[in-house]
């Protein structure tokens, strides 16, 4: 059971929207500056998107904890 790469890319994108929004809000709260929060979130969105995508693709090759679907 392997995921197609486009599924991983879609999961990566949807997670990045959620996580970057969280980073933006936390950064804004801590710094009190929208520009700093935007800069932090802007950098973070790209670095973590690539890291997450690679992480998912590696885990897709690991069989630990996977089972075959039972046929009905």
PDB file of N, CA and C in Angstrom:
ATOM      1  N   UNK A   1       0.832  -1.176   0.000  1.00  0.00           N
ATOM      2  CA  UNK A   1       0.000   0.000   0.000  1.00  0.00           C
ATOM      3  C   UNK A   1       0.881   1.245   0.000  1.00  0.00           C
ATOM      4  N   UNK A   2       0.930   1.912  -1.106  1.00  0.00           N
ATOM      5  CA  UNK A   2       1.691   3.141  -1.200  1.00  0.00           C
ATOM      6  C   UNK A   2       0.784   4.276  -1.632  1.00  0.00           C
ATOM      7  N   UNK A   3       1.070   5.444  -1.122  1.00  0.00           N
ATOM      8  CA  UNK A   3       0.341   6.630  -1.558  1.00  0.00           C
ATOM      9  C   UNK A   3       0.949   7.136  -2.842  1.00  0.00           C
ATOM     10  N   UNK A   4       0.123   7.665  -3.688  1.00  0.00           N
ATOM     11  CA  UNK A   4       0.604   8.349  -4.881  1.00  0.00           C
ATOM     12  C   UNK A   4       1.243   9.670  -4.439  1.00  0.00           C
ATOM     13  N   UNK A   5       2.214  10.143  -5.204  1.00  0.00           N
ATOM     14  CA  UNK A   5       2.909  11.368  -4.805  1.00  0.00           C
ATOM     15  C   UNK A   5       1.980  12.578  -4.792  1.00  0.00           C
ATOM     16  N   UNK A   6       0.959  12.604  -5.660  1.00  0.00           N
ATOM     17  CA  UNK A   6       0.032  13.744  -5.653  1.00  0.00           C
ATOM     18  C   UNK A   6      -0.820  13.768  -4.390  1.00  0.00           C
ATOM     19  N   UNK A   7      -1.092  12.597  -3.807  1.00  0.00           N
ATOM     20  CA  UNK A   7      -1.828  12.563  -2.536  1.00  0.00           C
ATOM     21  C   UNK A   7      -0.960  13.166  -1.431  1.00  0.00           C
ATOM     22  N   UNK A   8       0.321  12.794  -1.432  1.00  0.00           N
ATOM     23  CA  UNK A   8       1.242  13.354  -0.451  1.00  0.00           C
ATOM     24  C   UNK A   8       1.350  14.861  -0.626  1.00  0.00           C
ATOM     25  N   UNK A   9       1.408  15.334  -1.864  1.00  0.00           N
ATOM     26  CA  UNK A   9       1.503  16.774  -2.126  1.00  0.00           C
ATOM     27  C   UNK A   9       0.248  17.495  -1.630  1.00  0.00           C
ATOM     28  N   UNK A  10      -0.921  16.921  -1.833  1.00  0.00           N
ATOM     29  CA  UNK A  10      -2.162  17.535  -1.359  1.00  0.00           C
ATOM     30  C   UNK A  10      -2.215  17.573   0.168  1.00  0.00           C
ATOM     31  N   UNK A  11      -1.810  16.475   0.812  1.00  0.00           N
ATOM     32  CA  UNK A  11      -1.757  16.446   2.272  1.00  0.00           C
ATOM     33  C   UNK A  11      -0.767  17.483   2.791  1.00  0.00           C
ATOM     34  N   UNK A  12       0.367  17.599   2.114  1.00  0.00           N
ATOM     35  CA  UNK A  12       1.374  18.579   2.491  1.00  0.00           C
ATOM     36  C   UNK A  12       0.804  19.987   2.436  1.00  0.00           C
ATOM     37  N   UNK A  13       0.122  20.308   1.359  1.00  0.00           N
ATOM     38  CA  UNK A  13      -0.441  21.644   1.169  1.00  0.00           C
ATOM     39  C   UNK A  13      -1.516  21.959   2.200  1.00  0.00           C
ATOM     40  N   UNK A  14      -2.425  21.029   2.425  1.00  0.00           N
ATOM     41  CA  UNK A  14      -3.501  21.288   3.384  1.00  0.00           C
ATOM     42  C   UNK A  14      -2.945  21.451   4.799  1.00  0.00           C
ATOM     43  N   UNK A  15      -1.957  20.634   5.163  1.00  0.00           N
ATOM     44  CA  UNK A  15      -1.354  20.762   6.482  1.00  0.00           C
ATOM     45  C   UNK A  15      -0.606  22.082   6.610  1.00  0.00           C
ATOM     46  N   UNK A  16       0.077  22.507   5.569  1.00  0.00           N
ATOM     47  CA  UNK A  16       0.833  23.756   5.603  1.00  0.00           C
ATOM     48  C   UNK A  16      -0.069  24.947   5.833  1.00  0.00           C
ATOM     49  N   UNK A  17      -1.266  24.949   5.255  1.00  0.00           N
ATOM     50  CA  UNK A  17      -2.208  26.055   5.481  1.00  0.00           C
ATOM     51  C   UNK A  17      -2.551  26.141   6.966  1.00  0.00           C
ATOM     52  N   UNK A  18      -2.849  25.014   7.568  1.00  0.00           N
ATOM     53  CA  UNK A  18      -3.200  24.984   8.993  1.00  0.00           C
ATOM     54  C   UNK A  18      -2.003  25.379   9.849  1.00  0.00           C
ATOM     55  N   UNK A  19      -0.857  24.767   9.599  1.00  0.00           N
ATOM     56  CA  UNK A  19       0.322  24.994  10.439  1.00  0.00           C
ATOM     57  C   UNK A  19       0.881  26.408  10.281  1.00  0.00           C
ATOM     58  N   UNK A  20       0.860  26.952   9.075  1.00  0.00           N
ATOM     59  CA  UNK A  20       1.380  28.298   8.859  1.00  0.00           C
ATOM     60  C   UNK A  20       0.470  29.343   9.489  1.00  0.00           C
ATOM     61  N   UNK A  21      -0.820  29.114   9.445  1.00  0.00           N
ATOM     62  CA  UNK A  21      -1.755  30.012  10.130  1.00  0.00           C
ATOM     63  C   UNK A  21      -1.455  30.022  11.621  1.00  0.00           C
ATOM     64  N   UNK A  22      -1.208  28.857  12.180  1.00  0.00           N
ATOM     65  CA  UNK A  22      -0.850  28.739  13.586  1.00  0.00           C
ATOM     66  C   UNK A  22       0.450  29.492  13.881  1.00  0.00           C
ATOM     67  N   UNK A  23       1.464  29.298  13.045  1.00  0.00           N
ATOM     68  CA  UNK A  23       2.746  29.987  13.221  1.00  0.00           C
ATOM     69  C   UNK A  23       2.569  31.503  13.136  1.00  0.00           C
ATOM     70  N   UNK A  24       1.766  31.954  12.184  1.00  0.00           N
ATOM     71  CA  UNK A  24       1.517  33.387  12.031  1.00  0.00           C
ATOM     72  C   UNK A  24       0.877  33.965  13.291  1.00  0.00           C
ATOM     73  N   UNK A  25      -0.133  33.301  13.804  1.00  0.00           N
ATOM     74  CA  UNK A  25      -0.840  33.796  14.991  1.00  0.00           C
ATOM     75  C   UNK A  25       0.077  33.817  16.214  1.00  0.00           C
ATOM     76  N   UNK A  26       0.844  32.754  16.401  1.00  0.00           N
ATOM     77  CA  UNK A  26       1.771  32.704  17.535  1.00  0.00           C
ATOM     78  C   UNK A  26       2.841  33.783  17.400  1.00  0.00           C
ATOM     79  N   UNK A  27       3.395  33.932  16.194  1.00  0.00           N
ATOM     80  CA  UNK A  27       4.425  34.948  15.958  1.00  0.00           C
ATOM     81  C   UNK A  27       3.889  36.353  16.199  1.00  0.00           C
ATOM     82  N   UNK A  28       2.670  36.597  15.765  1.00  0.00           N
ATOM     83  CA  UNK A  28       2.040  37.906  15.971  1.00  0.00           C
ATOM     84  C   UNK A  28       1.833  38.169  17.464  1.00  0.00           C
ATOM     85  N   UNK A  29       1.374  37.125  18.169  1.00  0.00           N
ATOM     86  CA  UNK A  29       1.143  37.251  19.607  1.00  0.00           C
ATOM     87  C   UNK A  29       2.449  37.565  20.347  1.00  0.00           C
ATOM     88  N   UNK A  30       3.521  36.854  19.995  1.00  0.00           N
ATOM     89  CA  UNK A  30       4.801  37.037  20.684  1.00  0.00           C
ATOM     90  C   UNK A  30       5.469  38.362  20.330  1.00  0.00           C
ATOM     91  N   UNK A  31       5.479  38.703  19.038  1.00  0.00           N
ATOM     92  CA  UNK A  31       6.186  39.917  18.613  1.00  0.00           C
ATOM     93  C   UNK A  31       5.319  41.163  18.653  1.00  0.00           C
ATOM     94  N   UNK A  32       4.018  40.994  18.486  1.00  0.00           N
ATOM     95  CA  UNK A  32       3.106  42.129  18.416  1.00  0.00           C
ATOM     96  C   UNK A  32       3.193  42.875  17.088  1.00  0.00           C
ATOM     97  N   UNK A  33       3.892  42.295  16.118  1.00  0.00           N
ATOM     98  CA  UNK A  33       4.083  42.963  14.828  1.00  0.00           C
ATOM     99  C   UNK A  33       3.624  42.053  13.691  1.00  0.00           C
ATOM    100  N   UNK A  34       2.695  42.583  12.899  1.00  0.00           N
ATOM    101  CA  UNK A  34       2.189  41.809  11.764  1.00  0.00           C
ATOM    102  C   UNK A  34       3.276  41.537  10.725  1.00  0.00           C
ATOM    103  N   UNK A  35       4.158  42.500  10.506  1.00  0.00           N
ATOM    104  CA  UNK A  35       5.211  42.315   9.496  1.00  0.00           C
ATOM    105  C   UNK A  35       6.166  41.204   9.894  1.00  0.00           C
ATOM    106  N   UNK A  36       6.537  41.151  11.165  1.00  0.00           N
ATOM    107  CA  UNK A  36       7.420  40.079  11.629  1.00  0.00           C
ATOM    108  C   UNK A  36       6.713  38.735  11.558  1.00  0.00           C
ATOM    109  N   UNK A  37       5.470  38.715  11.968  1.00  0.00           N
ATOM    110  CA  UNK A  37       4.697  37.473  11.923  1.00  0.00           C
ATOM    111  C   UNK A  37       4.582  36.979  10.482  1.00  0.00           C
ATOM    112  N   UNK A  38       4.346  37.893   9.555  1.00  0.00           N
ATOM    113  CA  UNK A  38       4.266  37.525   8.149  1.00  0.00           C
ATOM    114  C   UNK A  38       5.587  37.006   7.608  1.00  0.00           C
ATOM    115  N   UNK A  39       6.681  37.634   8.014  1.00  0.00           N
ATOM    116  CA  UNK A  39       8.006  37.183   7.571  1.00  0.00           C
ATOM    117  C   UNK A  39       8.330  35.795   8.113  1.00  0.00           C
ATOM    118  N   UNK A  40       8.054  35.583   9.370  1.00  0.00           N
ATOM    119  CA  UNK A  40       8.311  34.278   9.989  1.00  0.00           C
ATOM    120  C   UNK A  40       7.471  33.205   9.310  1.00  0.00           C
ATOM    121  N   UNK A  41       6.186  33.473   9.154  1.00  0.00           N
ATOM    122  CA  UNK A  41       5.288  32.499   8.516  1.00  0.00           C
ATOM    123  C   UNK A  41       5.662  32.286   7.059  1.00  0.00           C
ATOM    124  N   UNK A  42       6.102  33.332   6.381  1.00  0.00           N
ATOM    125  CA  UNK A  42       6.471  33.218   4.970  1.00  0.00           C
ATOM    126  C   UNK A  42       7.677  32.330   4.746  1.00  0.00           C
ATOM    127  N   UNK A  43       8.659  32.438   5.610  1.00  0.00           N
ATOM    128  CA  UNK A  43       9.839  31.577   5.499  1.00  0.00           C
ATOM    129  C   UNK A  43       9.493  30.149   5.899  1.00  0.00           C
ATOM    130  N   UNK A  44       8.770  30.022   6.981  1.00  0.00           N
ATOM    131  CA  UNK A  44       8.419  28.714   7.534  1.00  0.00           C
ATOM    132  C   UNK A  44       7.575  27.888   6.583  1.00  0.00           C
ATOM    133  N   UNK A  45       6.706  28.524   5.826  1.00  0.00           N
ATOM    134  CA  UNK A  45       5.812  27.766   4.950  1.00  0.00           C
ATOM    135  C   UNK A  45       6.600  26.960   3.920  1.00  0.00           C
ATOM    136  N   UNK A  46       7.662  27.532   3.398  1.00  0.00           N
ATOM    137  CA  UNK A  46       8.425  26.822   2.370  1.00  0.00           C
ATOM    138  C   UNK A  46       9.350  25.762   2.958  1.00  0.00           C
ATOM    139  N   UNK A  47      10.064  26.098   4.015  1.00  0.00           N
ATOM    140  CA  UNK A  47      10.995  25.120   4.575  1.00  0.00           C
ATOM    141  C   UNK A  47      10.270  23.890   5.095  1.00  0.00           C
ATOM    142  N   UNK A  48       9.200  24.109   5.804  1.00  0.00           N
ATOM    143  CA  UNK A  48       8.501  22.975   6.396  1.00  0.00           C
ATOM    144  C   UNK A  48       7.672  22.193   5.386  1.00  0.00           C
ATOM    145  N   UNK A  49       7.268  22.825   4.285  1.00  0.00           N
ATOM    146  CA  UNK A  49       6.542  22.099   3.242  1.00  0.00           C
ATOM    147  C   UNK A  49       7.456  21.037   2.622  1.00  0.00           C
ATOM    148  N   UNK A  50       8.680  21.421   2.316  1.00  0.00           N
ATOM    149  CA  UNK A  50       9.619  20.469   1.732  1.00  0.00           C
ATOM    150  C   UNK A  50      10.000  19.374   2.737  1.00  0.00           C
ATOM    151  N   UNK A  51      10.206  19.760   3.975  1.00  0.00           N
ATOM    152  CA  UNK A  51      10.543  18.777   5.004  1.00  0.00           C
ATOM    153  C   UNK A  51       9.405  17.781   5.221  1.00  0.00           C
ATOM    154  N   UNK A  52       8.174  18.269   5.288  1.00  0.00           N
ATOM    155  CA  UNK A  52       7.019  17.389   5.496  1.00  0.00           C
ATOM    156  C   UNK A  52       6.832  16.437   4.318  1.00  0.00           C
ATOM    157  N   UNK A  53       6.945  16.956   3.101  1.00  0.00           N
ATOM    158  CA  UNK A  53       6.785  16.128   1.913  1.00  0.00           C
ATOM    159  C   UNK A  53       7.802  14.987   1.926  1.00  0.00           C
ATOM    160  N   UNK A  54       9.052  15.317   2.186  1.00  0.00           N
ATOM    161  CA  UNK A  54      10.088  14.288   2.246  1.00  0.00           C
ATOM    162  C   UNK A  54       9.834  13.286   3.356  1.00  0.00           C
ATOM    163  N   UNK A  55       9.410  13.783   4.505  1.00  0.00           N
ATOM    164  CA  UNK A  55       9.084  12.918   5.646  1.00  0.00           C
ATOM    165  C   UNK A  55       7.972  11.933   5.283  1.00  0.00           C
ATOM    166  N   UNK A  56       6.920  12.414   4.653  1.00  0.00           N
ATOM    167  CA  UNK A  56       5.809  11.551   4.243  1.00  0.00           C
ATOM    168  C   UNK A  56       6.250  10.497   3.229  1.00  0.00           C
ATOM    169  N   UNK A  57       7.090  10.894   2.267  1.00  0.00           N
ATOM    170  CA  UNK A  57       7.537   9.952   1.233  1.00  0.00           C
ATOM    171  C   UNK A  57       8.414   8.865   1.841  1.00  0.00           C
ATOM    172  N   UNK A  58       9.251   9.222   2.815  1.00  0.00           N
ATOM    173  CA  UNK A  58      10.075   8.212   3.485  1.00  0.00           C
ATOM    174  C   UNK A  58       9.190   7.249   4.262  1.00  0.00           C
ATOM    175  N   UNK A  59       8.246   7.778   5.028  1.00  0.00           N
ATOM    176  CA  UNK A  59       7.354   6.917   5.811  1.00  0.00           C
ATOM    177  C   UNK A  59       6.466   6.051   4.916  1.00  0.00           C
ATOM    178  N   UNK A  60       6.211   6.502   3.716  1.00  0.00           N
ATOM    179  CA  UNK A  60       5.414   5.708   2.789  1.00  0.00           C
ATOM    180  C   UNK A  60       6.136   4.410   2.418  1.00  0.00           C
ATOM    181  N   UNK A  61       7.431   4.391   2.538  1.00  0.00           N
ATOM    182  CA  UNK A  61       8.232   3.202   2.209  1.00  0.00           C
ATOM    183  C   UNK A  61       8.425   2.270   3.405  1.00  0.00           C
ATOM    184  N   UNK A  62       8.028   2.705   4.581  1.00  0.00           N
ATOM    185  CA  UNK A  62       8.192   1.905   5.795  1.00  0.00           C
ATOM    186  C   UNK A  62       6.931   1.079   6.027  1.00  0.00           C
ATOM    187  N   UNK A  63       7.104  -0.215   6.217  1.00  0.00           N
ATOM    188  CA  UNK A  63       5.935  -1.089   6.389  1.00  0.00           C
ATOM    189  C   UNK A  63       5.483  -1.195   7.843  1.00  0.00           C
ATOM    190  N   UNK A  64       6.279  -0.693   8.766  1.00  0.00           N
ATOM    191  CA  UNK A  64       5.945  -0.771  10.188  1.00  0.00           C
ATOM    192  C   UNK A  64       4.552  -0.212  10.461  1.00  0.00           C
ATOM    193  N   UNK A  65       3.711  -1.003  11.119  1.00  0.00           N
ATOM    194  CA  UNK A  65       2.383  -0.547  11.518  1.00  0.00           C
ATOM    195  C   UNK A  65       1.331  -0.588  10.429  1.00  0.00           C
ATOM    196  N   UNK A  66       1.671  -1.132   9.275  1.00  0.00           N
ATOM    197  CA  UNK A  66       0.702  -1.234   8.179  1.00  0.00           C
ATOM    198  C   UNK A  66       0.163  -2.645   8.100  1.00  0.00           C
ATOM    199  N   UNK A  67      -1.082  -2.737   7.681  1.00  0.00           N
ATOM    200  CA  UNK A  67      -1.681  -4.039   7.437  1.00  0.00           C
ATOM    201  C   UNK A  67      -2.360  -3.998   6.084  1.00  0.00           C
ATOM    202  N   UNK A  68      -2.486  -5.151   5.492  1.00  0.00           N
ATOM    203  CA  UNK A  68      -3.186  -5.238   4.208  1.00  0.00           C
ATOM    204  C   UNK A  68      -4.679  -5.092   4.464  1.00  0.00           C
ATOM    205  N   UNK A  69      -5.378  -4.492   3.507  1.00  0.00           N
ATOM    206  CA  UNK A  69      -6.833  -4.364   3.633  1.00  0.00           C
ATOM    207  C   UNK A  69      -7.466  -5.746   3.542  1.00  0.00           C
ATOM    208  N   UNK A  70      -8.451  -5.972   4.406  1.00  0.00           N
ATOM    209  CA  UNK A  70      -9.187  -7.222   4.349  1.00  0.00           C
ATOM    210  C   UNK A  70     -10.195  -7.149   3.214  1.00  0.00           C
ATOM    211  N   UNK A  71     -10.217  -8.170   2.393  1.00  0.00           N
ATOM    212  CA  UNK A  71     -11.166  -8.180   1.282  1.00  0.00           C
ATOM    213  C   UNK A  71     -12.520  -8.628   1.778  1.00  0.00           C
ATOM    214  N   UNK A  72     -13.552  -7.955   1.316  1.00  0.00           N
ATOM    215  CA  UNK A  72     -14.907  -8.289   1.757  1.00  0.00           C
ATOM    216  C   UNK A  72     -15.696  -8.917   0.653  1.00  0.00           C
TER     217      UNK A  72
END
